[in-house]
Every structure is written in structure tokens, then in C-alpha cells.
N, C-alpha and C. Protein backbone atom coordinates (compact mmCIF):
# COMPACT_ATOMS: atom_id res chain seq x y z
N LYS A 1 -16.24 18.08 -8.22
CA LYS A 1 -16.13 17.91 -9.66
C LYS A 1 -14.95 17.03 -10.03
N ASN A 2 -14.20 16.56 -9.07
CA ASN A 2 -13.05 15.71 -9.34
C ASN A 2 -13.38 14.26 -9.04
N ARG A 3 -12.73 13.38 -9.75
CA ARG A 3 -12.88 11.95 -9.48
C ARG A 3 -12.00 11.56 -8.30
N PHE A 4 -12.48 10.58 -7.54
CA PHE A 4 -11.69 10.01 -6.46
C PHE A 4 -11.45 8.55 -6.80
N TYR A 5 -10.19 8.20 -6.99
CA TYR A 5 -9.81 6.85 -7.35
C TYR A 5 -9.47 6.07 -6.08
N PHE A 6 -9.98 4.84 -5.99
CA PHE A 6 -9.65 3.98 -4.86
C PHE A 6 -9.92 2.54 -5.25
N ARG A 7 -9.32 1.62 -4.51
CA ARG A 7 -9.50 0.19 -4.73
C ARG A 7 -10.58 -0.27 -3.75
N PRO A 8 -11.76 -0.66 -4.25
CA PRO A 8 -12.90 -0.93 -3.35
C PRO A 8 -12.62 -1.90 -2.21
N LYS A 9 -11.87 -2.96 -2.42
CA LYS A 9 -11.65 -3.93 -1.35
C LYS A 9 -10.53 -3.52 -0.41
N ILE A 10 -9.60 -2.70 -0.89
CA ILE A 10 -8.42 -2.35 -0.09
C ILE A 10 -8.57 -1.00 0.59
N ASP A 11 -9.16 -0.02 -0.09
CA ASP A 11 -9.13 1.37 0.37
C ASP A 11 -10.38 1.84 1.10
N ASN A 12 -11.07 0.95 1.79
CA ASN A 12 -12.26 1.35 2.54
C ASN A 12 -11.95 2.42 3.58
N GLY A 13 -10.83 2.27 4.28
CA GLY A 13 -10.45 3.25 5.29
C GLY A 13 -10.19 4.61 4.68
N SER A 14 -9.52 4.65 3.55
CA SER A 14 -9.25 5.92 2.87
C SER A 14 -10.53 6.55 2.36
N TYR A 15 -11.43 5.74 1.84
CA TYR A 15 -12.70 6.28 1.37
C TYR A 15 -13.48 6.88 2.54
N ASN A 16 -13.48 6.18 3.68
CA ASN A 16 -14.16 6.72 4.87
C ASN A 16 -13.53 8.03 5.34
N ARG A 17 -12.19 8.14 5.25
CA ARG A 17 -11.54 9.38 5.66
C ARG A 17 -11.88 10.53 4.72
N LEU A 18 -12.22 10.22 3.48
CA LEU A 18 -12.64 11.27 2.55
C LEU A 18 -14.05 11.75 2.90
N THR A 19 -14.91 10.84 3.29
CA THR A 19 -16.31 11.20 3.52
C THR A 19 -16.63 11.58 4.96
N LYS A 20 -15.78 11.19 5.90
CA LYS A 20 -15.98 11.53 7.32
C LYS A 20 -14.72 12.19 7.83
N SER A 21 -14.88 13.31 8.53
CA SER A 21 -13.68 14.04 8.96
C SER A 21 -12.92 13.32 10.05
N GLN A 22 -11.63 13.22 9.82
CA GLN A 22 -10.71 12.71 10.82
C GLN A 22 -9.98 13.90 11.44
N TYR A 23 -9.62 14.86 10.61
CA TYR A 23 -9.03 16.12 11.04
C TYR A 23 -9.88 17.23 10.44
N ILE A 24 -10.10 18.29 11.20
CA ILE A 24 -10.74 19.48 10.66
C ILE A 24 -9.71 20.60 10.75
N LEU A 25 -9.35 21.11 9.62
CA LEU A 25 -8.31 22.12 9.53
C LEU A 25 -8.82 23.22 8.61
N LYS A 26 -9.13 24.37 9.18
CA LYS A 26 -9.70 25.46 8.40
C LYS A 26 -8.96 26.74 8.74
N ASP A 27 -8.57 27.47 7.68
CA ASP A 27 -7.84 28.71 7.91
C ASP A 27 -8.77 29.86 8.27
N THR A 28 -8.18 30.95 8.72
CA THR A 28 -8.92 32.17 9.03
C THR A 28 -8.25 33.32 8.28
N ILE A 29 -8.87 34.47 8.30
CA ILE A 29 -8.29 35.64 7.64
C ILE A 29 -6.93 35.97 8.25
N SER A 30 -6.83 35.92 9.56
CA SER A 30 -5.58 36.26 10.23
C SER A 30 -4.55 35.12 10.20
N GLN A 31 -5.01 33.88 9.98
CA GLN A 31 -4.10 32.74 9.92
C GLN A 31 -4.42 31.88 8.70
N PRO A 32 -3.98 32.33 7.52
CA PRO A 32 -4.22 31.51 6.32
C PRO A 32 -3.38 30.24 6.36
N ILE A 33 -3.94 29.17 5.89
CA ILE A 33 -3.20 27.91 5.77
C ILE A 33 -2.78 27.81 4.31
N GLU A 34 -1.47 27.87 4.10
CA GLU A 34 -0.95 27.91 2.74
C GLU A 34 -0.10 26.69 2.39
N ILE A 35 0.60 26.14 3.37
CA ILE A 35 1.48 24.99 3.12
C ILE A 35 1.15 23.88 4.12
N ILE A 36 0.82 22.71 3.58
CA ILE A 36 0.51 21.53 4.39
C ILE A 36 1.41 20.39 3.92
N ILE A 37 1.94 19.63 4.87
CA ILE A 37 2.64 18.39 4.55
C ILE A 37 1.82 17.25 5.11
N ASP A 38 1.47 16.32 4.24
CA ASP A 38 0.72 15.13 4.62
C ASP A 38 1.65 13.93 4.49
N ALA A 39 2.29 13.55 5.59
CA ALA A 39 3.23 12.44 5.60
C ALA A 39 2.46 11.16 5.93
N GLY A 40 2.54 10.20 5.03
CA GLY A 40 1.71 9.01 5.11
C GLY A 40 0.39 9.31 4.44
N ALA A 41 0.46 9.90 3.25
CA ALA A 41 -0.72 10.41 2.55
C ALA A 41 -1.62 9.32 1.99
N ASN A 42 -1.11 8.10 1.87
CA ASN A 42 -1.87 7.00 1.31
C ASN A 42 -2.35 7.40 -0.08
N ILE A 43 -3.64 7.36 -0.36
CA ILE A 43 -4.14 7.69 -1.70
C ILE A 43 -4.66 9.12 -1.79
N GLY A 44 -4.44 9.92 -0.75
CA GLY A 44 -4.74 11.34 -0.82
C GLY A 44 -6.07 11.80 -0.27
N SER A 45 -6.79 10.95 0.44
CA SER A 45 -8.13 11.34 0.92
C SER A 45 -8.07 12.52 1.90
N GLN A 46 -7.14 12.49 2.86
CA GLN A 46 -7.03 13.62 3.80
C GLN A 46 -6.53 14.87 3.08
N ALA A 47 -5.61 14.71 2.15
CA ALA A 47 -5.09 15.86 1.40
C ALA A 47 -6.22 16.56 0.65
N ILE A 48 -7.13 15.81 0.07
CA ILE A 48 -8.28 16.40 -0.63
C ILE A 48 -9.15 17.17 0.34
N ARG A 49 -9.40 16.59 1.51
CA ARG A 49 -10.21 17.30 2.52
C ARG A 49 -9.53 18.61 2.92
N PHE A 50 -8.21 18.54 3.18
CA PHE A 50 -7.48 19.76 3.56
C PHE A 50 -7.56 20.80 2.46
N ALA A 51 -7.36 20.39 1.22
CA ALA A 51 -7.39 21.32 0.09
C ALA A 51 -8.77 21.94 -0.09
N ASN A 52 -9.81 21.16 0.06
CA ASN A 52 -11.17 21.68 -0.13
C ASN A 52 -11.58 22.65 0.97
N LEU A 53 -11.01 22.51 2.16
CA LEU A 53 -11.36 23.39 3.28
C LEU A 53 -10.52 24.67 3.34
N ASN A 54 -9.45 24.75 2.57
CA ASN A 54 -8.52 25.87 2.68
C ASN A 54 -8.24 26.47 1.31
N SER A 55 -9.02 27.47 0.97
CA SER A 55 -8.98 28.05 -0.38
C SER A 55 -7.68 28.79 -0.69
N ARG A 56 -6.93 29.17 0.33
CA ARG A 56 -5.68 29.90 0.09
C ARG A 56 -4.45 28.98 0.10
N LEU A 57 -4.69 27.70 0.03
CA LEU A 57 -3.61 26.72 0.03
C LEU A 57 -2.73 26.92 -1.20
N LYS A 58 -1.43 27.07 -0.97
CA LYS A 58 -0.47 27.23 -2.07
C LYS A 58 0.11 25.89 -2.51
N ASN A 59 0.24 24.95 -1.56
CA ASN A 59 0.75 23.62 -1.90
C ASN A 59 0.46 22.67 -0.75
N ILE A 60 -0.01 21.49 -1.12
CA ILE A 60 -0.10 20.39 -0.17
C ILE A 60 0.91 19.36 -0.65
N ILE A 61 1.85 19.05 0.22
CA ILE A 61 2.94 18.14 -0.11
C ILE A 61 2.64 16.80 0.53
N CYS A 62 2.48 15.80 -0.30
CA CYS A 62 2.14 14.45 0.17
C CYS A 62 3.37 13.56 0.07
N ILE A 63 3.60 12.80 1.13
CA ILE A 63 4.71 11.86 1.17
C ILE A 63 4.10 10.48 1.40
N GLU A 64 4.35 9.56 0.48
CA GLU A 64 3.78 8.22 0.58
C GLU A 64 4.81 7.20 0.10
N PRO A 65 5.23 6.28 0.98
CA PRO A 65 6.27 5.31 0.59
C PRO A 65 5.79 4.19 -0.33
N ASP A 66 4.53 3.83 -0.27
CA ASP A 66 4.03 2.74 -1.09
C ASP A 66 3.80 3.25 -2.51
N THR A 67 4.45 2.63 -3.48
CA THR A 67 4.40 3.11 -4.86
C THR A 67 2.99 3.08 -5.45
N ALA A 68 2.25 2.01 -5.21
CA ALA A 68 0.88 1.93 -5.74
C ALA A 68 0.00 3.02 -5.13
N ASN A 69 0.11 3.22 -3.83
CA ASN A 69 -0.66 4.28 -3.16
C ASN A 69 -0.26 5.66 -3.69
N ALA A 70 1.04 5.89 -3.87
CA ALA A 70 1.52 7.19 -4.36
C ALA A 70 0.98 7.48 -5.76
N GLU A 71 0.89 6.46 -6.60
CA GLU A 71 0.35 6.67 -7.96
C GLU A 71 -1.12 7.06 -7.91
N ILE A 72 -1.89 6.41 -7.05
CA ILE A 72 -3.31 6.76 -6.91
C ILE A 72 -3.43 8.16 -6.29
N CYS A 73 -2.57 8.47 -5.33
CA CYS A 73 -2.56 9.80 -4.71
C CYS A 73 -2.34 10.88 -5.78
N LYS A 74 -1.39 10.66 -6.68
CA LYS A 74 -1.13 11.61 -7.77
C LYS A 74 -2.37 11.79 -8.64
N LYS A 75 -3.04 10.70 -8.97
CA LYS A 75 -4.27 10.80 -9.78
C LYS A 75 -5.35 11.57 -9.03
N ASN A 76 -5.51 11.29 -7.73
CA ASN A 76 -6.54 11.95 -6.95
C ASN A 76 -6.28 13.44 -6.77
N LEU A 77 -5.02 13.84 -6.79
CA LEU A 77 -4.67 15.25 -6.54
C LEU A 77 -4.27 16.00 -7.80
N GLN A 78 -4.50 15.40 -8.98
CA GLN A 78 -4.05 16.03 -10.22
C GLN A 78 -4.70 17.39 -10.48
N ASN A 79 -5.85 17.67 -9.93
CA ASN A 79 -6.51 18.96 -10.13
C ASN A 79 -6.35 19.91 -8.95
N TYR A 80 -5.42 19.58 -8.06
CA TYR A 80 -5.15 20.41 -6.89
C TYR A 80 -3.71 20.93 -6.98
N VAL A 81 -3.41 21.93 -6.18
CA VAL A 81 -2.03 22.41 -6.06
C VAL A 81 -1.35 21.47 -5.08
N ALA A 82 -0.74 20.43 -5.62
CA ALA A 82 -0.18 19.36 -4.77
C ALA A 82 1.09 18.80 -5.39
N THR A 83 1.95 18.33 -4.51
CA THR A 83 3.18 17.65 -4.89
C THR A 83 3.20 16.32 -4.16
N VAL A 84 3.45 15.24 -4.87
CA VAL A 84 3.47 13.91 -4.25
C VAL A 84 4.87 13.34 -4.36
N TYR A 85 5.43 12.98 -3.21
CA TYR A 85 6.73 12.32 -3.14
C TYR A 85 6.52 10.86 -2.82
N ASN A 86 7.05 9.98 -3.67
CA ASN A 86 7.01 8.54 -3.42
C ASN A 86 8.28 8.17 -2.65
N ASN A 87 8.27 8.52 -1.37
CA ASN A 87 9.40 8.30 -0.46
C ASN A 87 8.87 7.97 0.92
N ALA A 88 9.77 7.50 1.77
CA ALA A 88 9.45 7.32 3.19
C ALA A 88 10.06 8.49 3.95
N LEU A 89 9.31 9.06 4.86
CA LEU A 89 9.80 10.18 5.65
C LEU A 89 10.81 9.68 6.67
N ALA A 90 11.94 10.41 6.77
CA ALA A 90 13.01 10.04 7.71
C ALA A 90 13.76 11.31 8.11
N SER A 91 14.71 11.16 9.00
CA SER A 91 15.52 12.31 9.43
C SER A 91 16.57 12.69 8.39
N ASN A 92 16.96 11.75 7.54
CA ASN A 92 17.91 11.98 6.44
C ASN A 92 17.32 11.47 5.14
N SER A 93 17.72 12.10 4.05
CA SER A 93 17.27 11.66 2.73
C SER A 93 18.22 10.62 2.13
N ASP A 94 17.70 9.94 1.13
CA ASP A 94 18.46 9.01 0.29
C ASP A 94 18.92 7.73 0.97
N LYS A 95 18.30 7.37 2.10
CA LYS A 95 18.56 6.05 2.68
C LYS A 95 17.71 5.04 1.90
N ASP A 96 18.27 3.87 1.63
CA ASP A 96 17.50 2.80 1.01
C ASP A 96 16.71 2.09 2.10
N LEU A 97 15.41 2.02 1.94
CA LEU A 97 14.54 1.35 2.90
C LEU A 97 13.73 0.29 2.17
N LEU A 98 13.31 -0.70 2.90
CA LEU A 98 12.48 -1.76 2.35
C LEU A 98 11.06 -1.57 2.86
N ILE A 99 10.11 -1.51 1.94
CA ILE A 99 8.70 -1.30 2.27
C ILE A 99 7.95 -2.59 1.99
N GLN A 100 7.16 -3.02 2.96
CA GLN A 100 6.32 -4.20 2.80
C GLN A 100 4.86 -3.77 2.72
N ASN A 101 4.18 -4.25 1.72
CA ASN A 101 2.75 -4.00 1.57
C ASN A 101 2.04 -5.30 1.93
N THR A 102 1.21 -5.29 2.97
CA THR A 102 0.56 -6.52 3.40
C THR A 102 -0.67 -6.81 2.54
N LEU A 103 -1.04 -8.06 2.49
CA LEU A 103 -2.18 -8.49 1.67
C LEU A 103 -3.47 -7.81 2.10
N ASN A 104 -4.28 -7.40 1.13
CA ASN A 104 -5.60 -6.82 1.37
C ASN A 104 -5.57 -5.66 2.35
N SER A 105 -4.56 -4.82 2.24
CA SER A 105 -4.47 -3.69 3.14
C SER A 105 -3.95 -2.48 2.39
N GLU A 106 -4.44 -1.30 2.78
CA GLU A 106 -3.94 -0.06 2.21
C GLU A 106 -2.67 0.38 2.90
N MET A 107 -2.28 -0.32 3.95
CA MET A 107 -1.13 0.07 4.77
C MET A 107 0.13 -0.63 4.28
N SER A 108 1.24 0.05 4.44
CA SER A 108 2.53 -0.56 4.20
C SER A 108 3.43 -0.17 5.37
N GLU A 109 4.53 -0.88 5.51
CA GLU A 109 5.41 -0.59 6.64
C GLU A 109 6.86 -0.78 6.22
N ILE A 110 7.75 -0.08 6.92
CA ILE A 110 9.17 -0.23 6.70
C ILE A 110 9.63 -1.46 7.46
N VAL A 111 10.40 -2.31 6.80
CA VAL A 111 10.95 -3.49 7.45
C VAL A 111 12.47 -3.38 7.44
N ASN A 112 13.10 -3.90 8.48
CA ASN A 112 14.55 -3.80 8.59
C ASN A 112 15.28 -4.86 7.79
N ASN A 113 14.71 -6.05 7.73
CA ASN A 113 15.34 -7.10 6.95
C ASN A 113 14.27 -8.09 6.51
N VAL A 114 14.61 -8.89 5.57
CA VAL A 114 13.66 -9.86 5.04
C VAL A 114 13.99 -11.23 5.63
N ASP A 115 13.02 -11.80 6.33
CA ASP A 115 13.20 -13.15 6.85
C ASP A 115 11.85 -13.85 6.82
N ASN A 116 11.81 -15.08 7.22
CA ASN A 116 10.58 -15.88 7.13
C ASN A 116 9.51 -15.48 8.14
N SER A 117 9.84 -14.62 9.11
CA SER A 117 8.86 -14.25 10.11
C SER A 117 7.95 -13.11 9.66
N LEU A 118 8.23 -12.52 8.49
CA LEU A 118 7.40 -11.42 8.01
C LEU A 118 6.01 -11.91 7.62
N ILE A 119 5.05 -11.03 7.78
CA ILE A 119 3.69 -11.33 7.33
C ILE A 119 3.74 -11.54 5.82
N LYS A 120 2.99 -12.48 5.33
CA LYS A 120 2.95 -12.71 3.89
C LYS A 120 2.54 -11.41 3.19
N SER A 121 3.28 -11.03 2.20
CA SER A 121 3.02 -9.75 1.56
C SER A 121 2.81 -9.90 0.07
N ASN A 122 2.17 -8.89 -0.51
CA ASN A 122 2.03 -8.82 -1.96
C ASN A 122 3.40 -8.60 -2.59
N HIS A 123 4.17 -7.73 -1.96
CA HIS A 123 5.48 -7.42 -2.51
C HIS A 123 6.31 -6.62 -1.51
N LEU A 124 7.59 -6.64 -1.77
CA LEU A 124 8.53 -5.80 -1.04
C LEU A 124 9.15 -4.86 -2.05
N ASN A 125 9.23 -3.59 -1.70
CA ASN A 125 9.82 -2.58 -2.59
C ASN A 125 10.92 -1.85 -1.86
N LYS A 126 11.97 -1.54 -2.61
CA LYS A 126 12.99 -0.67 -2.07
C LYS A 126 12.58 0.77 -2.39
N ILE A 127 12.73 1.64 -1.42
CA ILE A 127 12.31 3.04 -1.58
C ILE A 127 13.37 3.91 -0.92
N LYS A 128 13.49 5.13 -1.39
CA LYS A 128 14.42 6.09 -0.79
C LYS A 128 13.69 6.90 0.28
N SER A 129 14.44 7.27 1.31
CA SER A 129 13.88 8.15 2.34
C SER A 129 14.01 9.60 1.88
N ILE A 130 13.23 10.47 2.52
CA ILE A 130 13.33 11.91 2.30
C ILE A 130 13.10 12.60 3.64
N SER A 131 13.81 13.68 3.86
CA SER A 131 13.65 14.44 5.10
C SER A 131 12.80 15.68 4.85
N ILE A 132 12.18 16.18 5.90
CA ILE A 132 11.41 17.41 5.77
C ILE A 132 12.34 18.57 5.40
N ASN A 133 13.55 18.59 5.93
CA ASN A 133 14.50 19.64 5.56
C ASN A 133 14.76 19.66 4.05
N ASP A 134 14.91 18.49 3.44
CA ASP A 134 15.14 18.45 1.99
C ASP A 134 13.89 18.86 1.21
N ILE A 135 12.72 18.51 1.70
CA ILE A 135 11.49 18.95 1.04
C ILE A 135 11.40 20.47 1.09
N ILE A 136 11.73 21.06 2.24
CA ILE A 136 11.72 22.52 2.38
C ILE A 136 12.63 23.16 1.33
N ASN A 137 13.81 22.60 1.15
CA ASN A 137 14.74 23.14 0.16
C ASN A 137 14.23 22.94 -1.27
N LYS A 138 13.73 21.76 -1.59
CA LYS A 138 13.24 21.48 -2.94
C LYS A 138 12.03 22.35 -3.30
N GLU A 139 11.16 22.56 -2.34
CA GLU A 139 9.91 23.30 -2.60
C GLU A 139 10.04 24.80 -2.28
N ASN A 140 11.21 25.21 -1.80
CA ASN A 140 11.47 26.62 -1.46
C ASN A 140 10.41 27.16 -0.47
N ILE A 141 10.29 26.47 0.65
CA ILE A 141 9.29 26.79 1.68
C ILE A 141 9.95 27.58 2.80
N ASN A 142 9.26 28.62 3.30
CA ASN A 142 9.78 29.35 4.46
C ASN A 142 8.89 29.20 5.69
N LYS A 143 7.72 28.55 5.52
CA LYS A 143 6.87 28.22 6.67
C LYS A 143 5.99 27.03 6.31
N ILE A 144 5.67 26.27 7.33
CA ILE A 144 4.75 25.14 7.18
C ILE A 144 3.61 25.38 8.14
N ASP A 145 2.40 25.42 7.63
CA ASP A 145 1.26 25.70 8.50
C ASP A 145 0.79 24.46 9.26
N PHE A 146 0.92 23.28 8.63
CA PHE A 146 0.39 22.07 9.26
C PHE A 146 1.12 20.86 8.70
N ILE A 147 1.50 19.95 9.59
CA ILE A 147 2.04 18.65 9.19
C ILE A 147 1.21 17.57 9.83
N LYS A 148 0.70 16.66 9.00
CA LYS A 148 0.01 15.47 9.49
C LYS A 148 0.98 14.30 9.36
N LEU A 149 1.26 13.63 10.46
CA LEU A 149 2.18 12.49 10.46
C LEU A 149 1.41 11.21 10.74
N ASP A 150 1.28 10.39 9.73
CA ASP A 150 0.68 9.07 9.85
C ASP A 150 1.72 8.11 9.27
N ILE A 151 2.80 7.90 10.03
CA ILE A 151 3.98 7.22 9.50
C ILE A 151 4.30 5.91 10.21
N ASN A 152 3.31 5.34 10.84
CA ASN A 152 3.35 3.96 11.33
C ASN A 152 4.63 3.55 12.07
N GLY A 153 4.96 4.30 13.09
CA GLY A 153 6.08 3.90 13.93
C GLY A 153 7.41 4.53 13.60
N SER A 154 7.48 5.35 12.58
CA SER A 154 8.76 5.99 12.21
C SER A 154 8.95 7.35 12.86
N GLU A 155 8.06 7.72 13.76
CA GLU A 155 8.13 9.04 14.39
C GLU A 155 9.46 9.26 15.12
N ASN A 156 9.89 8.28 15.91
CA ASN A 156 11.14 8.44 16.66
C ASN A 156 12.31 8.70 15.73
N GLU A 157 12.36 8.03 14.60
CA GLU A 157 13.45 8.23 13.65
C GLU A 157 13.38 9.63 13.04
N VAL A 158 12.20 10.09 12.67
CA VAL A 158 12.03 11.42 12.06
C VAL A 158 12.45 12.51 13.02
N PHE A 159 12.15 12.34 14.31
CA PHE A 159 12.46 13.36 15.30
C PHE A 159 13.84 13.16 15.96
N SER A 160 14.61 12.19 15.52
CA SER A 160 15.89 11.88 16.17
C SER A 160 16.98 12.91 15.88
N LYS A 161 16.93 13.56 14.73
CA LYS A 161 17.94 14.57 14.36
C LYS A 161 17.43 15.34 13.14
N ASN A 162 18.14 16.41 12.80
CA ASN A 162 17.79 17.25 11.65
C ASN A 162 16.36 17.77 11.75
N ILE A 163 16.05 18.38 12.88
CA ILE A 163 14.67 18.85 13.13
C ILE A 163 14.55 20.38 13.03
N GLU A 164 15.39 20.99 12.24
CA GLU A 164 15.33 22.44 12.05
C GLU A 164 13.97 22.88 11.52
N TRP A 165 13.31 22.02 10.80
CA TRP A 165 12.00 22.31 10.21
C TRP A 165 10.95 22.65 11.28
N LEU A 166 11.17 22.20 12.51
CA LEU A 166 10.21 22.51 13.58
C LEU A 166 10.13 24.02 13.83
N GLU A 167 11.21 24.74 13.58
CA GLU A 167 11.24 26.19 13.82
C GLU A 167 10.28 26.96 12.91
N ILE A 168 9.93 26.38 11.76
CA ILE A 168 9.03 27.08 10.84
C ILE A 168 7.67 26.39 10.73
N THR A 169 7.41 25.44 11.62
CA THR A 169 6.15 24.67 11.59
C THR A 169 5.20 25.18 12.66
N ASN A 170 3.97 25.50 12.25
CA ASN A 170 2.97 26.03 13.18
C ASN A 170 2.21 24.95 13.93
N CYS A 171 1.94 23.81 13.29
CA CYS A 171 1.09 22.80 13.94
C CYS A 171 1.44 21.41 13.43
N LEU A 172 1.46 20.44 14.34
CA LEU A 172 1.69 19.03 14.02
C LEU A 172 0.49 18.21 14.50
N ALA A 173 0.13 17.20 13.73
CA ALA A 173 -0.89 16.25 14.16
C ALA A 173 -0.35 14.85 13.93
N PHE A 174 -0.59 13.97 14.89
CA PHE A 174 -0.12 12.59 14.80
C PHE A 174 -1.32 11.66 14.70
N ASN A 175 -1.19 10.65 13.87
CA ASN A 175 -2.21 9.63 13.76
C ASN A 175 -1.57 8.30 14.15
N ASN A 176 -2.05 7.71 15.25
CA ASN A 176 -1.53 6.43 15.74
C ASN A 176 -0.03 6.47 15.94
N ALA A 177 0.46 7.51 16.56
CA ALA A 177 1.90 7.68 16.73
C ALA A 177 2.47 6.68 17.72
N HIS A 178 3.67 6.21 17.42
CA HIS A 178 4.41 5.28 18.27
C HIS A 178 5.60 6.03 18.86
N ILE A 179 5.32 6.99 19.74
CA ILE A 179 6.39 7.82 20.30
C ILE A 179 6.61 7.42 21.76
């Protein structure tokens, strides 16, 4: 009964992830899934699938560094119990990062510096980082049932320090991880 917003030429992959399962995550009576973090949420297609499969979900927390994607993600999840952070996931919060959105792509990436060797892009945006520890504090979370990490090569940085959140996390899934 909800609308799904997407850009037809750019978001084909996200639309396919909404209609075809990439992850199957279903709770049980003895193991309810209540808190999910979707890092690299894009426009929210996986978050919607997770929410629709888990009726006892208390919050799905989406982290998306690309501002345009985060805005569509918010629209797509407006009728769900969801929180969307327009940040890049990192081991520490409040670092200034540069995000590049490539032409005709739903993907964006963190770049270290701007020079002529970069792929031609629609735009470069400055974005703040956020850590899972800070999300836990902001959202008052005492357990995480599932974290999906689709963070395009930032895994090593996220796991480099400040990993106390692992102690309360039941399951991690990686998509195209560069570890």
C-alpha cells in the first residue's frame, strides 16, 4: 500500500533489490528481529524488504551518504518505523568526508581528494561521518539484531577502532565487501 520512489534510469539495481530478494531475514518467536541497521541504504529498497518481513521491527536505521539517495530513502520509508541518517559510516563521527556521485549511477563513493583523475561526476558533496556507537547512543539501543554493510570499501575503516557495538550485534552481512 506504500509508494516506492525511484529514478527509472538510475535506480534499476535498487528496484530489482526491492522485487528480488538479495537478503532473506525473517524473525522467529524465540528470536524477534527488532533493530536493523542498513548501512549503505541507498533509496531504501532492502530496508523495505526487511521491514515487510519482520512485523516486530521497532526501528530500521538507514545510513546513506549520498544526499539525493537519502532523501528518496526517507520518502520510501515514511510509513515505516525507520530513521534515516544522511551520513557516511565510519569508526568516528563528525569527520568531514567528500562524496562523489558518478554519472548515471545510484552509487556514490568517498574520495580522499579532488584531482583531475576522478571519474566525471554529477557533483561532489561534503558529508559528515557517523559511527555505529554514536547511533546506538542517539537511538538508545541496547541490542542490534542485524547490520547490513554495503559501504563500498569503507569496511576496514569502520572496523579499525571503536567497535564496542559488536558486543551487542547478533548478525552482520556484507555486500561486496573490500576487507
